C-alpha cells in the first residue's frame, strides 16, 4: 500500500513476502513505463530503495538492492 508520495519519493507499507515483487514493479514503472507517458524525457531513469524491518523506525532504514528476480 502506498502511504505517501513527496516529489520524487514514495513511502509504502509492503509485506516482506511481496517486497521484491513490489520493488520490481515500481522500478519498471519508474524507469521504463514513464518514458511512454512522458515521451519528452530522454535521460535514463534510476531508482534507489531503503527498507526498514517490521517495527523499526525510518532511522533504521537500510539500502536495498533492486533487481529483476
Protein backbone atom coordinates (compact mmCIF):
# COMPACT_ATOMS: atom_id res chain seq x y z
CA UNK A 1 0.00 0.00 0.00
CA UNK A 2 1.36 3.41 -0.90
CA UNK A 3 1.38 5.52 2.25
CA UNK A 4 2.68 8.77 0.81
CA UNK A 5 4.41 10.48 -2.07
CA UNK A 6 6.51 13.61 -1.92
CA UNK A 7 8.08 14.93 -5.13
CA UNK A 8 10.16 12.01 -6.41
CA UNK A 9 9.91 9.79 -3.31
CA UNK A 10 7.30 7.28 -2.19
CA UNK A 11 6.65 5.60 1.14
CA UNK A 12 4.97 2.21 1.04
CA UNK A 13 3.85 -0.40 3.53
CA UNK A 14 4.72 -3.72 1.89
CA UNK A 15 4.57 -7.29 3.16
CA UNK A 16 8.03 -8.86 3.46
CA UNK A 17 6.88 -11.68 1.15
CA UNK A 18 5.90 -9.18 -1.56
CA UNK A 19 8.80 -6.73 -1.24
CA UNK A 20 10.82 -7.91 -4.25
CA UNK A 21 7.71 -8.12 -6.45
CA UNK A 22 6.66 -4.62 -5.39
CA UNK A 23 10.11 -3.12 -5.98
CA UNK A 24 10.46 -4.81 -9.38
CA UNK A 25 7.09 -3.35 -10.41
CA UNK A 26 7.96 0.11 -9.08
CA UNK A 27 11.30 0.01 -10.89
CA UNK A 28 9.61 -0.98 -14.16
CA UNK A 29 7.04 1.81 -13.90
CA UNK A 30 9.52 4.49 -12.83
CA UNK A 31 12.29 3.61 -15.30
CA UNK A 32 10.53 2.14 -18.36
CA UNK A 33 6.83 3.00 -18.50
CA UNK A 34 7.46 6.61 -17.55
CA UNK A 35 9.02 7.21 -20.98
CA UNK A 36 5.83 6.03 -22.71
CA UNK A 37 3.75 8.51 -20.73
CA UNK A 38 6.18 11.43 -20.95
CA UNK A 39 7.96 10.96 -24.27
CA UNK A 40 9.98 14.17 -23.85
CA UNK A 41 12.06 12.54 -21.08
CA UNK A 42 15.27 11.48 -22.75
CA UNK A 43 17.50 10.74 -19.76
CA UNK A 44 17.54 7.21 -18.37
CA UNK A 45 15.80 6.97 -15.01
CA UNK A 46 17.15 5.15 -11.96
CA UNK A 47 15.67 4.40 -8.56
CA UNK A 48 17.01 3.51 -5.12
CA UNK A 49 15.26 1.83 -2.22
CA UNK A 50 15.68 1.84 1.52
CA UNK A 51 13.87 -0.70 3.69
CA UNK A 52 13.21 -0.87 7.42
CA UNK A 53 12.39 -4.11 9.21
CA UNK A 54 8.94 -4.61 10.70
CA UNK A 55 8.61 -2.47 13.83
CA UNK A 56 11.74 -0.42 13.06
CA UNK A 57 11.81 3.34 12.55
CA UNK A 58 12.76 5.32 9.45
CA UNK A 59 16.11 5.93 11.14
CA UNK A 60 16.74 2.19 10.85
CA UNK A 61 16.21 2.07 7.06
CA UNK A 62 18.98 0.40 5.08
CA UNK A 63 19.73 0.48 1.34
CA UNK A 64 18.08 -2.39 -0.52
CA UNK A 65 19.26 -3.73 -3.88
CA UNK A 66 16.56 -3.79 -6.53
CA UNK A 67 16.84 -6.27 -9.36
CA UNK A 68 14.52 -8.25 -11.52
CA UNK A 69 14.42 -11.68 -9.97
